[in-house]
Amino acid sequence: MNPLLYGFYQFLKLIVRLALRIFYPYKIYIHPERLRFDYPAILVSNHPNTLVDPLTVAAKAQKLVFFLANAGLFKSGFGHWFFNTFYCIPVQRPQDKGGKKNISNEDSFSRANEHLAGGGVLYIAPEGTSEMERRLRPLKTGTARIALSTEKKNNYEVGVAIIPVGLTYYRPEICGSRMIVNVGAPIFPQRLRESYESDPIQTVRSLTEELEQQLGNLLINTENEQEDERLRTLETVIQHEKPLSGAKRFQREMELLQTMREKNDEEFYTLLDNYRTSLQAARVKDRAVSGRSRSGFSLGAILALPVYLYGLINNYLAVKIPVWLSRKLDLYRGYNATVKILTALITIPLFYWLQSKLVEAYLGDLAGWLYLLSLPVSGILYWRLSRWYRNMELRWRYRRLASEKREELQKLRNEIIRNWDQ
C-alpha cells in the first residue's frame, strides 16, 4: 500500500469526522466497539443520505475501508482516476443502464473477492439507491453473493463478516440535528458452507433476508410516510413530557413504534394527525405548547444579543453560502447535506482566513490572530443562541394565539398523553 496515499486517507478521515461532528453534533453511536475488528468484513447500512452514509460508517471504522460505488462515477477521466485511486470499486446498476437486468459485475465482484481475501474491508449500501426516508427498502443480493463467493474461492477459510449498521436521521438536511448510528452484531457467512454448496441461489436469498431483518431492527423502520409522521408527533410529545437522551431516547422511539403497531388504534391515529395539522396551521411547535420554551425575552437574552450579532455578522458568508448553493443546485434533497458539508469545508476556512487578513491589515498581527481565534467560538455561540431565540419566538407566537386556539391545542395534547398512558 502506498504510504503517502494511506496517510492522505487518514488525514481525510480526520477532516470527515470533524465535519460530521459539527453538522450532526448530537450523533450517537450504539455499540461502536463492533467497528473495531481485525478480520475481513463487509460494512453495510441503509442509504437515505447519499455520501454522508458511507462516510459516517467508514469514519468510525478502525481499518481502511474500500467502497463499492456506482460505476457512473467512474465515467469521466477525473472520476476514473479519483475513485480508483481512493479505494472505490465500480459496480453497475440496472437503473444506470436503462433498466437492463442482464448486467455483468464479474470484474467488480472479483476485485471485491480479492480485497476481502487479503483481509480488507468493504462498504456496501445494499438497497442500491438512496432515498430520504426512515425505512429500509428491499436489499439487493450483491452483499451476500460477494461474501459467499469469497469464502468459496478460498475454501471457506477467510472468515469474512458482514456488519450491519443502522442509520437513523431526524432532520438530515439541517446542521445541528440528531443522528443515531446503531452497529449490529457481525454475521459470518462461513457457517453456510454446506447450504451454499448444495443450493447457492437459495442460500444467497436466505442470507440477504437475514441481513435485511437484522438491519431493519437497527433503525427507525417505518412502513410509510404517514406512520413516520405519526411517530414523530408522538415521540415529540412524550419527549417533552419525559425527557431522555442518547441511546435511551432512541430505544424508546423503537418501542413507541412497536406499541403503535400493536395498538393499531385508528382513533388515536386521528388524534395524532389532528394535533400535527393544528400545530402546522398555528405555526407553532409542541415545545411551545408543552411550556418548555421560554415565555419571553429575558434580561439574559438582551445581554446575549451582542454576542449573537457578532457571530451572525462574522460567520454569515462562511455558513450561508453552503445553504444557498444547496438550494440553487436544486438537487434531490438527499444530496443537500453532502453539498452543505463539502462546501463548508471550503467556505469556512477560506472566509475565516480572508477576514482575519483584513483585520490584520488594518489593526495589526495580534488583532488579526485574536480575531481569527474568535471566529469558531463565535460561530458556535451564534448557533446555540439562534436555537435559544427560536424557542422564545415560538413561545411568543403561541402566547399570541387566541385563547380558544391555545385551549384546543392543549386539549389535543393532553388527550394524546392520556390515551398513551392507558
Protein backbone atom coordinates (compact mmCIF):
# COMPACT_ATOMS: atom_id res chain seq x y z
CA MET A 1 0.00 0.00 0.00
CA ASN A 2 1.27 3.46 -0.93
CA PRO A 3 2.18 5.12 2.41
CA LEU A 4 1.53 8.62 1.06
CA LEU A 5 -1.91 7.63 -0.17
CA TYR A 6 -2.68 5.90 3.12
CA GLY A 7 -1.54 8.96 5.06
CA PHE A 8 -3.77 11.17 2.92
CA TYR A 9 -6.68 8.78 3.59
CA GLN A 10 -6.13 9.12 7.34
CA PHE A 11 -5.95 12.91 7.03
CA LEU A 12 -9.22 12.98 5.08
CA LYS A 13 -10.74 10.68 7.68
CA LEU A 14 -9.95 13.21 10.43
CA ILE A 15 -11.48 16.01 8.34
CA VAL A 16 -14.61 13.94 7.70
CA ARG A 17 -15.02 13.08 11.39
CA LEU A 18 -14.69 16.74 12.32
CA ALA A 19 -17.16 17.84 9.63
CA LEU A 20 -19.73 15.23 10.65
CA ARG A 21 -19.26 16.14 14.32
CA ILE A 22 -20.09 19.76 13.50
CA PHE A 23 -23.00 19.05 11.16
CA TYR A 24 -24.52 16.32 13.40
CA PRO A 25 -23.40 17.37 16.90
CA TYR A 26 -25.93 15.06 18.53
CA LYS A 27 -24.74 11.93 16.72
CA ILE A 28 -24.86 8.85 18.96
CA TYR A 29 -23.01 5.59 18.25
CA ILE A 30 -24.54 2.46 19.76
CA HIS A 31 -22.06 -0.43 20.08
CA PRO A 32 -19.19 1.44 18.37
CA GLU A 33 -16.83 -1.27 19.62
CA ARG A 34 -18.22 -3.52 16.87
CA LEU A 35 -16.43 -1.30 14.34
CA ARG A 36 -13.08 -2.20 15.91
CA PHE A 37 -12.26 -5.60 14.47
CA ASP A 38 -9.26 -7.39 12.97
CA TYR A 39 -10.91 -9.64 10.36
CA PRO A 40 -12.05 -9.05 6.75
CA ALA A 41 -15.52 -7.54 6.68
CA ILE A 42 -18.29 -6.01 4.62
CA LEU A 43 -19.87 -2.98 6.29
CA VAL A 44 -23.45 -2.43 5.17
CA SER A 45 -26.00 0.25 6.04
CA ASN A 46 -29.29 1.69 4.91
CA HIS A 47 -28.81 4.54 2.44
CA PRO A 48 -31.02 7.63 2.97
CA ASN A 49 -28.35 10.34 2.81
CA THR A 50 -26.08 9.68 -0.21
CA LEU A 51 -22.39 10.36 0.51
CA VAL A 52 -22.94 11.01 4.24
CA ASP A 53 -23.90 7.37 4.90
CA PRO A 54 -20.66 5.62 3.82
CA LEU A 55 -18.54 8.40 5.32
CA THR A 56 -20.31 8.09 8.67
CA VAL A 57 -19.67 4.36 8.81
CA ALA A 58 -16.11 4.43 7.45
CA ALA A 59 -15.02 7.34 9.65
CA LYS A 60 -15.62 5.27 12.78
CA ALA A 61 -14.20 2.00 11.44
CA GLN A 62 -10.70 1.24 12.68
CA LYS A 63 -9.48 -0.32 9.44
CA LEU A 64 -9.15 1.23 5.99
CA VAL A 65 -12.42 0.90 4.06
CA PHE A 66 -12.93 0.36 0.33
CA PHE A 67 -16.27 1.36 -1.21
CA LEU A 68 -18.46 -0.42 -3.73
CA ALA A 69 -19.59 2.60 -5.76
CA ASN A 70 -21.90 3.41 -8.66
CA ALA A 71 -20.00 2.81 -11.91
CA GLY A 72 -21.36 6.09 -13.30
CA LEU A 73 -18.93 7.95 -11.05
CA PHE A 74 -16.01 6.43 -12.97
CA LYS A 75 -17.08 7.60 -16.45
CA SER A 76 -15.07 10.82 -16.69
CA GLY A 77 -11.30 10.84 -16.84
CA PHE A 78 -11.02 12.56 -13.48
CA GLY A 79 -13.66 10.28 -11.93
CA HIS A 80 -11.89 7.17 -13.20
CA TRP A 81 -8.61 8.32 -11.65
CA PHE A 82 -10.04 9.67 -8.41
CA PHE A 83 -12.38 6.83 -7.44
CA ASN A 84 -9.96 4.10 -8.46
CA THR A 85 -7.17 5.83 -6.54
CA PHE A 86 -9.22 6.42 -3.41
CA TYR A 87 -10.35 2.90 -2.68
CA CYS A 88 -13.54 2.55 -4.73
CA ILE A 89 -14.68 -0.44 -6.79
CA PRO A 90 -17.24 0.27 -9.58
CA VAL A 91 -20.49 -1.68 -9.78
CA GLN A 92 -23.16 -1.48 -12.47
CA ARG A 93 -26.82 -0.92 -11.51
CA PRO A 94 -29.86 -1.69 -13.71
CA GLN A 95 -31.24 1.85 -13.31
CA ASP A 96 -27.98 3.23 -14.75
CA LYS A 97 -28.34 1.03 -17.83
CA GLY A 98 -31.91 1.86 -18.79
CA GLY A 99 -33.39 -0.85 -16.56
CA LYS A 100 -31.44 -3.70 -18.15
CA LYS A 101 -31.42 -6.79 -15.96
CA ASN A 102 -28.58 -8.72 -17.57
CA ILE A 103 -25.68 -6.68 -16.25
CA SER A 104 -22.33 -8.27 -15.58
CA ASN A 105 -20.38 -7.25 -12.49
CA GLU A 106 -17.99 -10.19 -12.61
CA ASP A 107 -14.89 -7.99 -12.68
CA SER A 108 -16.15 -5.85 -9.77
CA PHE A 109 -17.07 -8.92 -7.73
CA SER A 110 -13.68 -10.47 -8.50
CA ARG A 111 -11.91 -7.34 -7.21
CA ALA A 112 -14.09 -7.40 -4.11
CA ASN A 113 -13.26 -11.09 -3.57
CA GLU A 114 -9.53 -10.42 -3.78
CA HIS A 115 -9.79 -7.44 -1.45
CA LEU A 116 -11.67 -9.40 1.22
CA ALA A 117 -9.43 -12.46 0.84
CA GLY A 118 -6.48 -10.20 1.57
CA GLY A 119 -8.02 -9.12 4.86
CA GLY A 120 -9.64 -5.92 3.55
CA VAL A 121 -12.85 -4.13 4.49
CA LEU A 122 -15.56 -3.12 2.05
CA TYR A 123 -18.58 -0.80 2.42
CA ILE A 124 -21.77 -1.61 0.51
CA ALA A 125 -25.18 0.11 0.51
CA PRO A 126 -27.29 -2.97 -0.32
CA GLU A 127 -30.50 -1.04 -1.02
CA GLY A 128 -28.87 0.02 -4.28
CA THR A 129 -30.22 3.58 -4.31
CA SER A 130 -30.54 6.46 -1.84
CA GLU A 131 -33.97 7.65 -0.68
CA MET A 132 -34.51 10.25 2.06
CA GLU A 133 -36.91 8.27 4.24
CA ARG A 134 -36.88 6.48 7.58
CA ARG A 135 -37.48 2.98 6.31
CA LEU A 136 -35.43 0.13 4.92
CA ARG A 137 -36.04 -0.79 1.30
CA PRO A 138 -35.56 -4.36 -0.01
CA LEU A 139 -31.90 -5.33 -0.17
CA LYS A 140 -30.09 -6.45 -3.30
CA THR A 141 -28.31 -9.80 -3.14
CA GLY A 142 -24.86 -8.46 -4.04
CA THR A 143 -23.54 -8.36 -0.46
CA ALA A 144 -24.42 -12.00 0.19
CA ARG A 145 -23.06 -13.08 -3.20
CA ILE A 146 -19.72 -11.34 -2.62
CA ALA A 147 -19.32 -12.70 0.91
CA LEU A 148 -20.21 -16.29 -0.01
CA SER A 149 -18.21 -16.34 -3.25
CA THR A 150 -15.17 -15.01 -1.38
CA GLU A 151 -15.43 -17.87 1.09
CA LYS A 152 -15.95 -20.49 -1.62
CA LYS A 153 -12.97 -19.33 -3.69
CA ASN A 154 -10.78 -19.61 -0.59
CA ASN A 155 -12.07 -22.94 0.75
CA TYR A 156 -14.18 -21.15 3.42
CA GLU A 157 -11.08 -20.11 5.34
CA VAL A 158 -11.32 -16.30 5.03
CA GLY A 159 -13.74 -15.69 7.90
CA VAL A 160 -15.31 -12.63 6.30
CA ALA A 161 -18.01 -10.91 8.38
CA ILE A 162 -20.99 -8.81 7.34
CA ILE A 163 -21.52 -5.99 9.84
CA PRO A 164 -24.91 -4.23 9.59
CA VAL A 165 -25.13 -0.57 10.60
CA GLY A 166 -28.49 1.15 11.03
CA LEU A 167 -28.54 4.91 10.34
CA THR A 168 -31.41 6.98 11.70
CA TYR A 169 -31.53 10.67 10.79
CA TYR A 170 -34.02 13.13 12.27
CA ARG A 171 -33.54 16.30 10.21
CA PRO A 172 -30.76 15.10 7.90
CA GLU A 173 -30.52 18.28 5.82
CA ILE A 174 -30.22 20.60 8.83
CA CYS A 175 -26.96 21.33 10.64
CA GLY A 176 -27.34 20.59 14.34
CA SER A 177 -29.77 17.70 14.06
CA ARG A 178 -29.75 14.31 15.75
CA MET A 179 -28.41 11.09 14.27
CA ILE A 180 -28.19 7.52 15.55
CA VAL A 181 -25.57 5.05 14.30
CA ASN A 182 -26.55 1.62 15.59
CA VAL A 183 -23.93 -1.08 14.90
CA GLY A 184 -25.23 -4.64 14.83
CA ALA A 185 -23.56 -7.93 15.61
CA PRO A 186 -21.43 -9.43 12.80
CA ILE A 187 -22.84 -12.15 10.56
CA PHE A 188 -20.36 -14.84 9.43
CA PRO A 189 -21.41 -16.48 6.11
CA GLN A 190 -18.68 -19.09 6.62
CA ARG A 191 -21.23 -21.13 8.62
CA LEU A 192 -23.36 -21.55 5.47
CA ARG A 193 -20.80 -23.68 3.62
CA GLU A 194 -22.91 -26.81 3.35
CA SER A 195 -26.03 -24.90 2.34
CA TYR A 196 -24.20 -22.81 -0.26
CA GLU A 197 -22.56 -25.85 -1.85
CA SER A 198 -25.91 -27.59 -2.27
CA ASP A 199 -28.12 -24.60 -3.23
CA PRO A 200 -26.21 -21.35 -3.83
CA ILE A 201 -29.19 -19.33 -5.09
CA GLN A 202 -31.41 -20.09 -2.10
CA THR A 203 -28.52 -19.58 0.33
CA VAL A 204 -27.84 -16.14 -1.12
CA ARG A 205 -31.52 -15.28 -0.73
CA SER A 206 -31.66 -16.58 2.84
CA LEU A 207 -28.53 -14.64 3.85
CA THR A 208 -29.94 -11.48 2.26
CA GLU A 209 -33.19 -11.94 4.19
CA GLU A 210 -31.26 -12.44 7.44
CA LEU A 211 -29.24 -9.29 6.78
CA GLU A 212 -32.39 -7.33 5.93
CA GLN A 213 -34.06 -8.40 9.16
CA GLN A 214 -31.06 -7.50 11.31
CA LEU A 215 -30.55 -4.17 9.58
CA GLY A 216 -34.22 -3.30 9.93
CA ASN A 217 -34.00 -3.89 13.68
CA LEU A 218 -31.18 -1.35 14.00
CA LEU A 219 -33.05 1.73 12.77
CA ILE A 220 -36.38 3.55 12.86
CA ASN A 221 -38.04 1.48 10.15
CA THR A 222 -41.47 2.94 9.43
CA GLU A 223 -43.78 1.43 6.83
CA ASN A 224 -44.70 4.68 5.08
CA GLU A 225 -44.59 8.47 5.39
CA GLN A 226 -47.86 8.61 7.33
CA GLU A 227 -46.61 6.23 10.00
CA ASP A 228 -43.35 8.17 10.21
CA GLU A 229 -45.17 11.49 10.74
CA ARG A 230 -47.34 9.96 13.46
CA LEU A 231 -44.31 8.51 15.23
CA ARG A 232 -42.51 11.87 15.09
CA THR A 233 -45.55 13.61 16.59
CA LEU A 234 -45.94 11.06 19.38
CA GLU A 235 -42.25 10.90 20.23
CA THR A 236 -42.01 14.71 20.39
CA VAL A 237 -44.92 14.90 22.85
CA ILE A 238 -43.54 12.08 25.01
CA GLN A 239 -40.02 13.56 24.94
CA HIS A 240 -41.25 16.92 26.21
CA GLU A 241 -43.17 15.15 28.99
CA LYS A 242 -40.46 12.68 29.97
CA PRO A 243 -37.10 13.80 28.52
CA LEU A 244 -34.50 11.19 27.66
CA SER A 245 -31.25 11.48 25.73
CA GLY A 246 -28.94 9.43 23.56
CA ALA A 247 -29.44 5.70 23.22
CA LYS A 248 -32.24 5.64 25.80
CA ARG A 249 -34.31 8.07 23.76
CA PHE A 250 -33.70 6.05 20.60
CA GLN A 251 -34.72 2.84 22.35
CA ARG A 252 -37.94 4.46 23.49
CA GLU A 253 -38.67 5.58 19.93
CA MET A 254 -38.29 1.99 18.75
CA GLU A 255 -40.67 0.87 21.50
CA LEU A 256 -43.17 3.61 20.64
CA LEU A 257 -43.25 2.45 17.02
CA GLN A 258 -43.79 -1.16 18.05
CA THR A 259 -46.55 -0.24 20.51
CA MET A 260 -48.28 1.95 17.93
CA ARG A 261 -48.45 -1.01 15.57
CA GLU A 262 -49.70 -3.34 18.27
CA LYS A 263 -52.46 -0.94 19.33
CA ASN A 264 -53.46 -0.13 15.74
CA ASP A 265 -55.95 2.39 17.11
CA GLU A 266 -57.48 4.50 14.33
CA GLU A 267 -58.96 6.99 16.78
CA PHE A 268 -55.54 7.55 18.29
CA TYR A 269 -54.00 7.92 14.82
CA THR A 270 -56.64 10.56 14.00
CA LEU A 271 -55.80 12.36 17.23
CA LEU A 272 -52.10 12.47 16.30
CA ASP A 273 -52.96 13.70 12.78
CA ASN A 274 -55.24 16.43 14.12
CA TYR A 275 -52.63 17.66 16.59
CA ARG A 276 -49.90 17.75 13.93
CA THR A 277 -52.06 19.66 11.42
CA SER A 278 -53.24 22.07 14.14
CA LEU A 279 -49.63 22.84 15.09
CA GLN A 280 -48.78 23.46 11.45
CA ALA A 281 -51.80 25.71 10.94
CA ALA A 282 -50.89 27.77 14.02
CA ARG A 283 -47.18 27.81 13.01
CA VAL A 284 -46.05 26.67 16.45
CA LYS A 285 -44.25 23.62 17.83
CA ASP A 286 -45.11 21.17 20.58
CA ARG A 287 -42.27 22.61 22.65
CA ALA A 288 -44.23 25.86 22.95
CA VAL A 289 -47.49 24.10 23.85
CA SER A 290 -45.71 21.96 26.43
CA GLY A 291 -44.29 25.08 28.11
CA ARG A 292 -40.66 24.09 27.54
CA SER A 293 -39.87 27.21 25.52
CA ARG A 294 -39.04 30.39 27.39
CA SER A 295 -42.07 32.65 27.79
CA GLY A 296 -40.42 35.90 26.71
CA PHE A 297 -37.24 37.86 26.13
CA SER A 298 -35.38 37.84 29.43
CA LEU A 299 -32.52 40.05 30.58
CA GLY A 300 -30.15 37.21 29.59
CA ALA A 301 -31.50 37.29 26.04
CA ILE A 302 -30.88 41.04 25.82
CA LEU A 303 -27.35 40.74 27.23
CA ALA A 304 -26.54 37.89 24.82
CA LEU A 305 -27.68 39.87 21.78
CA PRO A 306 -24.25 41.45 21.03
CA VAL A 307 -22.63 38.01 21.10
CA TYR A 308 -25.34 36.71 18.75
CA LEU A 309 -24.88 39.63 16.33
CA TYR A 310 -21.08 39.27 16.39
CA GLY A 311 -21.38 35.59 15.49
CA LEU A 312 -24.00 36.29 12.82
CA ILE A 313 -22.04 39.05 11.06
CA ASN A 314 -18.65 37.33 11.17
CA ASN A 315 -19.88 33.86 10.15
CA TYR A 316 -22.61 34.89 7.73
CA LEU A 317 -20.90 34.27 4.39
CA ALA A 318 -18.99 31.20 5.58
CA VAL A 319 -22.14 29.34 6.65
CA LYS A 320 -24.79 30.87 4.37
CA ILE A 321 -23.07 30.16 1.05
CA PRO A 322 -23.32 26.33 1.53
CA VAL A 323 -27.04 26.71 2.30
CA TRP A 324 -27.56 29.00 -0.69
CA LEU A 325 -25.66 26.67 -3.01
CA SER A 326 -27.68 23.60 -1.95
CA ARG A 327 -30.87 25.49 -2.78
CA LYS A 328 -29.52 26.90 -6.04
CA LEU A 329 -28.44 23.50 -7.34
CA ASP A 330 -31.94 22.16 -6.66
CA LEU A 331 -30.71 18.57 -6.47
CA TYR A 332 -32.53 15.61 -4.95
CA ARG A 333 -32.87 16.50 -1.26
CA GLY A 334 -30.71 13.56 -0.23
CA TYR A 335 -27.71 15.48 -1.61
CA ASN A 336 -28.35 18.64 0.44
CA ALA A 337 -26.32 17.59 3.48
CA THR A 338 -23.47 16.40 1.27
CA VAL A 339 -23.39 19.69 -0.66
CA LYS A 340 -23.52 21.75 2.53
CA ILE A 341 -20.75 19.80 4.24
CA LEU A 342 -18.40 19.75 1.23
CA THR A 343 -18.99 23.45 0.50
CA ALA A 344 -18.50 24.44 4.15
CA LEU A 345 -15.14 22.64 4.17
CA ILE A 346 -14.08 25.28 1.63
CA THR A 347 -16.01 28.40 2.66
CA ILE A 348 -15.36 28.32 6.42
CA PRO A 349 -11.52 28.19 6.31
CA LEU A 350 -11.46 30.49 3.25
CA PHE A 351 -13.58 33.29 4.75
CA TYR A 352 -12.02 32.93 8.17
CA TRP A 353 -8.59 33.44 6.58
CA LEU A 354 -9.70 36.35 4.36
CA GLN A 355 -11.49 38.12 7.19
CA SER A 356 -8.56 37.72 9.58
CA LYS A 357 -6.18 39.06 6.94
CA LEU A 358 -8.42 42.10 6.50
CA VAL A 359 -8.41 42.78 10.25
CA GLU A 360 -4.64 42.21 10.33
CA ALA A 361 -4.12 44.76 7.55
CA TYR A 362 -5.94 47.50 9.48
CA LEU A 363 -5.24 46.62 13.12
CA GLY A 364 -2.01 44.61 13.11
CA ASP A 365 -0.89 41.00 13.51
CA LEU A 366 -2.04 40.49 17.10
CA ALA A 367 -5.54 41.75 16.36
CA GLY A 368 -5.70 39.51 13.29
CA TRP A 369 -4.76 36.40 15.27
CA LEU A 370 -7.15 37.21 18.13
CA TYR A 371 -9.93 37.83 15.65
CA LEU A 372 -9.22 34.53 13.86
CA LEU A 373 -9.38 32.64 17.16
CA SER A 374 -12.70 34.28 17.98
CA LEU A 375 -14.41 33.15 14.77
CA PRO A 376 -15.07 29.44 15.52
CA VAL A 377 -16.09 30.30 19.10
CA SER A 378 -18.46 32.99 17.87
CA GLY A 379 -19.88 30.56 15.32
CA ILE A 380 -20.73 28.00 17.99
CA LEU A 381 -22.25 30.65 20.28
CA TYR A 382 -24.27 32.08 17.37
CA TRP A 383 -25.66 28.63 16.58
CA ARG A 384 -26.62 27.97 20.21
CA LEU A 385 -28.16 31.40 20.69
CA SER A 386 -30.10 31.03 17.43
CA ARG A 387 -31.81 27.96 18.87
CA TRP A 388 -32.48 29.83 22.12
CA TYR A 389 -34.06 32.81 20.37
CA ARG A 390 -36.04 30.48 18.10
CA ASN A 391 -37.57 28.75 21.11
CA MET A 392 -38.55 32.08 22.63
CA GLU A 393 -40.06 33.18 19.33
CA LEU A 394 -42.19 30.00 19.21
CA ARG A 395 -43.41 30.56 22.75
CA TRP A 396 -44.19 34.20 21.97
CA ARG A 397 -46.12 33.16 18.85
CA TYR A 398 -48.05 30.57 20.85
CA ARG A 399 -49.00 33.13 23.51
CA ARG A 400 -50.32 35.47 20.81
CA LEU A 401 -52.78 32.84 19.60
CA ALA A 402 -56.42 33.30 20.55
CA SER A 403 -57.20 31.67 23.89
CA GLU A 404 -59.61 29.27 22.17
CA LYS A 405 -56.85 28.07 19.84
CA ARG A 406 -54.42 27.58 22.72
CA GLU A 407 -57.05 25.61 24.63
CA GLU A 408 -57.70 23.44 21.56
CA LEU A 409 -54.01 22.62 21.16
CA GLN A 410 -53.60 21.90 24.86
CA LYS A 411 -56.69 19.69 24.85
CA LEU A 412 -55.42 17.64 21.89
CA ARG A 413 -52.03 17.29 23.52
CA ASN A 414 -53.46 16.19 26.87
CA GLU A 415 -55.65 13.68 25.06
CA ILE A 416 -52.59 12.17 23.36
CA ILE A 417 -50.84 11.76 26.71
CA ARG A 418 -53.93 10.35 28.41
CA ASN A 419 -54.56 7.82 25.62
CA TRP A 420 -50.94 6.76 25.53
CA ASP A 421 -50.74 6.21 29.26
CA GLN A 422 -53.73 3.88 29.23
